[in-house]
PDB file of N, CA and C in Angstrom:
ATOM      1  N   MET A   1     241.001  63.551  73.690  1.00  0.00           N
ATOM      2  CA  MET A   1     240.222  64.738  73.885  1.00  0.00           C
ATOM      3  C   MET A   1     240.756  65.835  72.987  1.00  0.00           C
ATOM      4  N   PRO A   2     240.094  66.115  71.902  1.00  0.00           N
ATOM      5  CA  PRO A   2     240.602  67.103  70.948  1.00  0.00           C
ATOM      6  C   PRO A   2     240.853  68.476  71.552  1.00  0.00           C
ATOM      7  N   GLY A   3     240.039  68.907  72.486  1.00  0.00           N
ATOM      8  CA  GLY A   3     240.215  70.228  73.082  1.00  0.00           C
ATOM      9  C   GLY A   3     241.509  70.375  73.859  1.00  0.00           C
ATOM     10  N   HIS A   4     242.069  69.260  74.292  1.00  0.00           N
ATOM     11  CA  HIS A   4     243.311  69.303  75.050  1.00  0.00           C
ATOM     12  C   HIS A   4     244.533  69.248  74.146  1.00  0.00           C
ATOM     13  N   LYS A   5     244.316  69.058  72.859  1.00  0.00           N
ATOM     14  CA  LYS A   5     245.389  69.043  71.864  1.00  0.00           C
ATOM     15  C   LYS A   5     246.509  68.070  72.229  1.00  0.00           C
ATOM     16  N   GLY A   6     246.145  66.964  72.858  1.00  0.00           N
ATOM     17  CA  GLY A   6     247.114  65.917  73.147  1.00  0.00           C
ATOM     18  C   GLY A   6     248.035  66.190  74.313  1.00  0.00           C
ATOM     19  N   THR A   7     247.839  67.291  75.018  1.00  0.00           N
ATOM     20  CA  THR A   7     248.730  67.610  76.129  1.00  0.00           C
ATOM     21  C   THR A   7     248.099  67.214  77.453  1.00  0.00           C
ATOM     22  N   LYS A   8     248.931  66.921  78.412  1.00  0.00           N
ATOM     23  CA  LYS A   8     248.448  66.634  79.763  1.00  0.00           C
ATOM     24  C   LYS A   8     248.961  67.684  80.735  1.00  0.00           C
ATOM     25  N   GLU A   9     249.477  68.780  80.197  1.00  0.00           N
ATOM     26  CA  GLU A   9     250.008  69.835  81.052  1.00  0.00           C
ATOM     27  C   GLU A   9     248.901  70.825  81.396  1.00  0.00           C
ATOM     28  N   HIS A  10     248.846  71.203  82.657  1.00  0.00           N
ATOM     29  CA  HIS A  10     247.865  72.171  83.119  1.00  0.00           C
ATOM     30  C   HIS A  10     248.569  73.219  83.963  1.00  0.00           C
ATOM     31  N   HIS A  11     247.940  74.354  84.093  1.00  0.00           N
ATOM     32  CA  HIS A  11     248.491  75.418  84.925  1.00  0.00           C
ATOM     33  C   HIS A  11     248.631  74.904  86.362  1.00  0.00           C
ATOM     34  N   PRO A  12     249.763  75.174  87.003  1.00  0.00           N
ATOM     35  CA  PRO A  12     249.985  74.673  88.371  1.00  0.00           C
ATOM     36  C   PRO A  12     248.881  75.059  89.359  1.00  0.00           C
ATOM     37  N   MET A  13     248.270  76.243  89.180  1.00  0.00           N
ATOM     38  CA  MET A  13     247.192  76.645  90.092  1.00  0.00           C
ATOM     39  C   MET A  13     245.993  75.706  89.977  1.00  0.00           C
ATOM     40  N   LEU A  14     245.704  75.226  88.762  1.00  0.00           N
ATOM     41  CA  LEU A  14     244.597  74.281  88.591  1.00  0.00           C
ATOM     42  C   LEU A  14     244.904  72.966  89.288  1.00  0.00           C
ATOM     43  N   LEU A  15     246.137  72.508  89.132  1.00  0.00           N
ATOM     44  CA  LEU A  15     246.518  71.253  89.777  1.00  0.00           C
ATOM     45  C   LEU A  15     246.492  71.382  91.298  1.00  0.00           C
ATOM     46  N   ASP A  16     246.935  72.542  91.816  1.00  0.00           N
ATOM     47  CA  ASP A  16     246.879  72.760  93.263  1.00  0.00           C
ATOM     48  C   ASP A  16     245.433  72.768  93.753  1.00  0.00           C
ATOM     49  N   TYR A  17     244.552  73.382  92.991  1.00  0.00           N
ATOM     50  CA  TYR A  17     243.153  73.497  93.404  1.00  0.00           C
ATOM     51  C   TYR A  17     242.428  72.153  93.341  1.00  0.00           C
ATOM     52  N   PHE A  18     242.557  71.464  92.190  1.00  0.00           N
ATOM     53  CA  PHE A  18     241.816  70.221  92.004  1.00  0.00           C
ATOM     54  C   PHE A  18     242.547  69.008  92.566  1.00  0.00           C
ATOM     55  N   GLY A  19     243.869  69.078  92.614  1.00  0.00           N
ATOM     56  CA  GLY A  19     244.644  68.002  93.209  1.00  0.00           C
ATOM     57  C   GLY A  19     244.531  66.677  92.489  1.00  0.00           C
ATOM     58  N   CYS A  20     244.346  66.689  91.181  1.00  0.00           N
ATOM     59  CA  CYS A  20     244.215  65.430  90.450  1.00  0.00           C
ATOM     60  C   CYS A  20     244.638  65.635  89.000  1.00  0.00           C
ATOM     61  N   ASP A  21     244.623  64.557  88.264  1.00  0.00           N
ATOM     62  CA  ASP A  21     244.869  64.619  86.825  1.00  0.00           C
ATOM     63  C   ASP A  21     243.584  65.106  86.166  1.00  0.00           C
ATOM     64  N   LEU A  22     243.579  66.337  85.708  1.00  0.00           N
ATOM     65  CA  LEU A  22     242.352  66.921  85.160  1.00  0.00           C
ATOM     66  C   LEU A  22     241.859  66.191  83.923  1.00  0.00           C
ATOM     67  N   ASN A  23     242.762  65.613  83.138  1.00  0.00           N
ATOM     68  CA  ASN A  23     242.311  64.849  81.968  1.00  0.00           C
ATOM     69  C   ASN A  23     241.482  63.645  82.390  1.00  0.00           C
ATOM     70  N   ALA A  24     241.826  63.024  83.501  1.00  0.00           N
ATOM     71  CA  ALA A  24     241.072  61.862  83.972  1.00  0.00           C
ATOM     72  C   ALA A  24     239.690  62.268  84.472  1.00  0.00           C
ATOM     73  N   ALA A  25     239.544  63.507  84.925  1.00  0.00           N
ATOM     74  CA  ALA A  25     238.265  63.977  85.456  1.00  0.00           C
ATOM     75  C   ALA A  25     237.365  64.560  84.375  1.00  0.00           C
ATOM     76  N   ASP A  26     237.885  64.748  83.169  1.00  0.00           N
ATOM     77  CA  ASP A  26     237.120  65.364  82.089  1.00  0.00           C
ATOM     78  C   ASP A  26     236.251  64.316  81.400  1.00  0.00           C
ATOM     79  N   LEU A  27     234.961  64.570  81.340  1.00  0.00           N
ATOM     80  CA  LEU A  27     234.034  63.656  80.678  1.00  0.00           C
ATOM     81  C   LEU A  27     233.676  64.205  79.305  1.00  0.00           C
ATOM     82  N   VAL A  28     233.596  63.325  78.344  1.00  0.00           N
ATOM     83  CA  VAL A  28     233.234  63.728  76.988  1.00  0.00           C
ATOM     84  C   VAL A  28     231.904  63.095  76.613  1.00  0.00           C
ATOM     85  N   GLU A  29     231.409  63.444  75.439  1.00  0.00           N
ATOM     86  CA  GLU A  29     230.099  62.978  74.999  1.00  0.00           C
ATOM     87  C   GLU A  29     230.120  61.604  74.345  1.00  0.00           C
ATOM     88  N   ILE A  30     231.227  60.909  74.422  1.00  0.00           N
ATOM     89  CA  ILE A  30     231.310  59.588  73.800  1.00  0.00           C
ATOM     90  C   ILE A  30     230.279  58.656  74.417  1.00  0.00           C
ATOM     91  N   ASN A  31     230.089  58.757  75.713  1.00  0.00           N
ATOM     92  CA  ASN A  31     229.132  57.921  76.423  1.00  0.00           C
ATOM     93  C   ASN A  31     227.772  58.620  76.414  1.00  0.00           C
ATOM     94  N   GLN A  32     226.807  58.081  75.692  1.00  0.00           N
ATOM     95  CA  GLN A  32     225.500  58.717  75.574  1.00  0.00           C
ATOM     96  C   GLN A  32     224.734  58.744  76.893  1.00  0.00           C
ATOM     97  N   ASN A  33     225.152  57.951  77.884  1.00  0.00           N
ATOM     98  CA  ASN A  33     224.503  58.010  79.189  1.00  0.00           C
ATOM     99  C   ASN A  33     224.792  59.320  79.908  1.00  0.00           C
ATOM    100  N   ILE A  34     225.872  59.995  79.513  1.00  0.00           N
ATOM    101  CA  ILE A  34     226.223  61.268  80.133  1.00  0.00           C
ATOM    102  C   ILE A  34     225.268  62.347  79.641  1.00  0.00           C
ATOM    103  N   ASP A  35     224.951  62.383  78.390  1.00  0.00           N
ATOM    104  CA  ASP A  35     224.039  63.299  77.715  1.00  0.00           C
ATOM    105  C   ASP A  35     224.742  63.781  76.454  1.00  0.00           C
ATOM    106  N   TYR A  36     224.040  64.535  75.650  1.00  0.00           N
ATOM    107  CA  TYR A  36     224.600  65.006  74.391  1.00  0.00           C
ATOM    108  C   TYR A  36     224.519  66.523  74.371  1.00  0.00           C
ATOM    109  N   LEU A  37     225.657  67.187  74.325  1.00  0.00           N
ATOM    110  CA  LEU A  37     225.740  68.637  74.442  1.00  0.00           C
ATOM    111  C   LEU A  37     224.900  69.364  73.402  1.00  0.00           C
ATOM    112  N   HIS A  38     224.830  68.832  72.177  1.00  0.00           N
ATOM    113  CA  HIS A  38     224.138  69.525  71.092  1.00  0.00           C
ATOM    114  C   HIS A  38     222.629  69.323  71.116  1.00  0.00           C
ATOM    115  N   SER A  39     222.152  68.373  71.895  1.00  0.00           N
ATOM    116  CA  SER A  39     220.716  68.136  72.030  1.00  0.00           C
ATOM    117  C   SER A  39     220.457  67.494  73.395  1.00  0.00           C
ATOM    118  N   PRO A  40     220.673  68.267  74.457  1.00  0.00           N
ATOM    119  CA  PRO A  40     220.565  67.682  75.796  1.00  0.00           C
ATOM    120  C   PRO A  40     219.141  67.268  76.138  1.00  0.00           C
ATOM    121  N   LYS A  41     219.028  66.145  76.823  1.00  0.00           N
ATOM    122  CA  LYS A  41     217.719  65.648  77.232  1.00  0.00           C
ATOM    123  C   LYS A  41     217.698  65.244  78.708  1.00  0.00           C
ATOM    124  N   GLY A  42     218.852  65.007  79.280  1.00  0.00           N
ATOM    125  CA  GLY A  42     218.926  64.516  80.655  1.00  0.00           C
ATOM    126  C   GLY A  42     219.552  65.520  81.592  1.00  0.00           C
ATOM    127  N   ALA A  43     220.674  65.108  82.173  1.00  0.00           N
ATOM    128  CA  ALA A  43     221.341  65.920  83.192  1.00  0.00           C
ATOM    129  C   ALA A  43     221.779  67.280  82.663  1.00  0.00           C
ATOM    130  N   LEU A  44     222.260  67.335  81.426  1.00  0.00           N
ATOM    131  CA  LEU A  44     222.688  68.624  80.877  1.00  0.00           C
ATOM    132  C   LEU A  44     221.515  69.586  80.730  1.00  0.00           C
ATOM    133  N   LEU A  45     220.385  69.098  80.262  1.00  0.00           N
ATOM    134  CA  LEU A  45     219.206  69.953  80.113  1.00  0.00           C
ATOM    135  C   LEU A  45     218.769  70.491  81.475  1.00  0.00           C
ATOM    136  N   LYS A  46     218.765  69.624  82.472  1.00  0.00           N
ATOM    137  CA  LYS A  46     218.394  70.054  83.821  1.00  0.00           C
ATOM    138  C   LYS A  46     219.372  71.113  84.334  1.00  0.00           C
ATOM    139  N   ALA A  47     220.666  70.885  84.107  1.00  0.00           N
ATOM    140  CA  ALA A  47     221.681  71.843  84.549  1.00  0.00           C
ATOM    141  C   ALA A  47     221.525  73.180  83.835  1.00  0.00           C
ATOM    142  N   GLN A  48     221.211  73.149  82.538  1.00  0.00           N
ATOM    143  CA  GLN A  48     221.013  74.395  81.794  1.00  0.00           C
ATOM    144  C   GLN A  48     219.797  75.154  82.325  1.00  0.00           C
ATOM    145  N   LYS A  49     218.731  74.446  82.654  1.00  0.00           N
ATOM    146  CA  LYS A  49     217.538  75.097  83.204  1.00  0.00           C
ATOM    147  C   LYS A  49     217.826  75.693  84.580  1.00  0.00           C
ATOM    148  N   LEU A  50     218.579  74.972  85.397  1.00  0.00           N
ATOM    149  CA  LEU A  50     218.951  75.497  86.712  1.00  0.00           C
ATOM    150  C   LEU A  50     219.850  76.726  86.582  1.00  0.00           C
ATOM    151  N   ALA A  51     220.782  76.693  85.635  1.00  0.00           N
ATOM    152  CA  ALA A  51     221.663  77.838  85.409  1.00  0.00           C
ATOM    153  C   ALA A  51     220.858  79.041  84.933  1.00  0.00           C
ATOM    154  N   ALA A  52     219.904  78.820  84.039  1.00  0.00           N
ATOM    155  CA  ALA A  52     219.056  79.916  83.557  1.00  0.00           C
ATOM    156  C   ALA A  52     218.286  80.540  84.718  1.00  0.00           C
ATOM    157  N   ALA A  53     217.730  79.702  85.574  1.00  0.00           N
ATOM    158  CA  ALA A  53     216.984  80.218  86.725  1.00  0.00           C
ATOM    159  C   ALA A  53     217.896  81.009  87.658  1.00  0.00           C
ATOM    160  N   ALA A  54     219.110  80.513  87.866  1.00  0.00           N
ATOM    161  CA  ALA A  54     220.057  81.184  88.758  1.00  0.00           C
ATOM    162  C   ALA A  54     220.442  82.566  88.241  1.00  0.00           C
ATOM    163  N   TYR A  55     220.531  82.700  86.910  1.00  0.00           N
ATOM    164  CA  TYR A  55     220.927  83.971  86.308  1.00  0.00           C
ATOM    165  C   TYR A  55     219.741  84.813  85.867  1.00  0.00           C
ATOM    166  N   GLY A  56     218.524  84.323  86.075  1.00  0.00           N
ATOM    167  CA  GLY A  56     217.345  85.075  85.657  1.00  0.00           C
ATOM    168  C   GLY A  56     217.206  85.161  84.150  1.00  0.00           C
ATOM    169  N   ALA A  57     217.693  84.140  83.452  1.00  0.00           N
ATOM    170  CA  ALA A  57     217.640  84.118  81.987  1.00  0.00           C
ATOM    171  C   ALA A  57     216.538  83.171  81.519  1.00  0.00           C
ATOM    172  N   ASP A  58     216.078  83.383  80.295  1.00  0.00           N
ATOM    173  CA  ASP A  58     215.091  82.472  79.714  1.00  0.00           C
ATOM    174  C   ASP A  58     215.715  81.119  79.405  1.00  0.00           C
ATOM    175  N   GLU A  59     216.961  81.132  78.905  1.00  0.00           N
ATOM    176  CA  GLU A  59     217.667  79.903  78.529  1.00  0.00           C
ATOM    177  C   GLU A  59     219.158  80.081  78.765  1.00  0.00           C
ATOM    178  N   THR A  60     219.847  78.974  78.929  1.00  0.00           N
ATOM    179  CA  THR A  60     221.309  78.964  78.921  1.00  0.00           C
ATOM    180  C   THR A  60     221.763  77.819  78.034  1.00  0.00           C
ATOM    181  N   PHE A  61     222.944  77.957  77.485  1.00  0.00           N
ATOM    182  CA  PHE A  61     223.528  76.917  76.639  1.00  0.00           C
ATOM    183  C   PHE A  61     224.966  76.710  77.075  1.00  0.00           C
ATOM    184  N   PHE A  62     225.341  75.472  77.264  1.00  0.00           N
ATOM    185  CA  PHE A  62     226.712  75.155  77.634  1.00  0.00           C
ATOM    186  C   PHE A  62     227.530  74.928  76.370  1.00  0.00           C
ATOM    187  N   LEU A  63     228.765  75.394  76.402  1.00  0.00           N
ATOM    188  CA  LEU A  63     229.670  75.224  75.258  1.00  0.00           C
ATOM    189  C   LEU A  63     230.685  74.163  75.561  1.00  0.00           C
TER     190      LEU A  63
END
């Protein structure tokens, strides 16, 4: 996971809250069944539309 820069260290508060190895819970776009962040068509698109509705926005984009 490039964003993690090869580390498995997390802030203790995150570990206390989630109670797990956060790297194991992080999903990436390698699996196309998850969806593709740069051109969402499935679950991500639905989530973005729901987020837009929740915030009263025309659109939302996940980074």
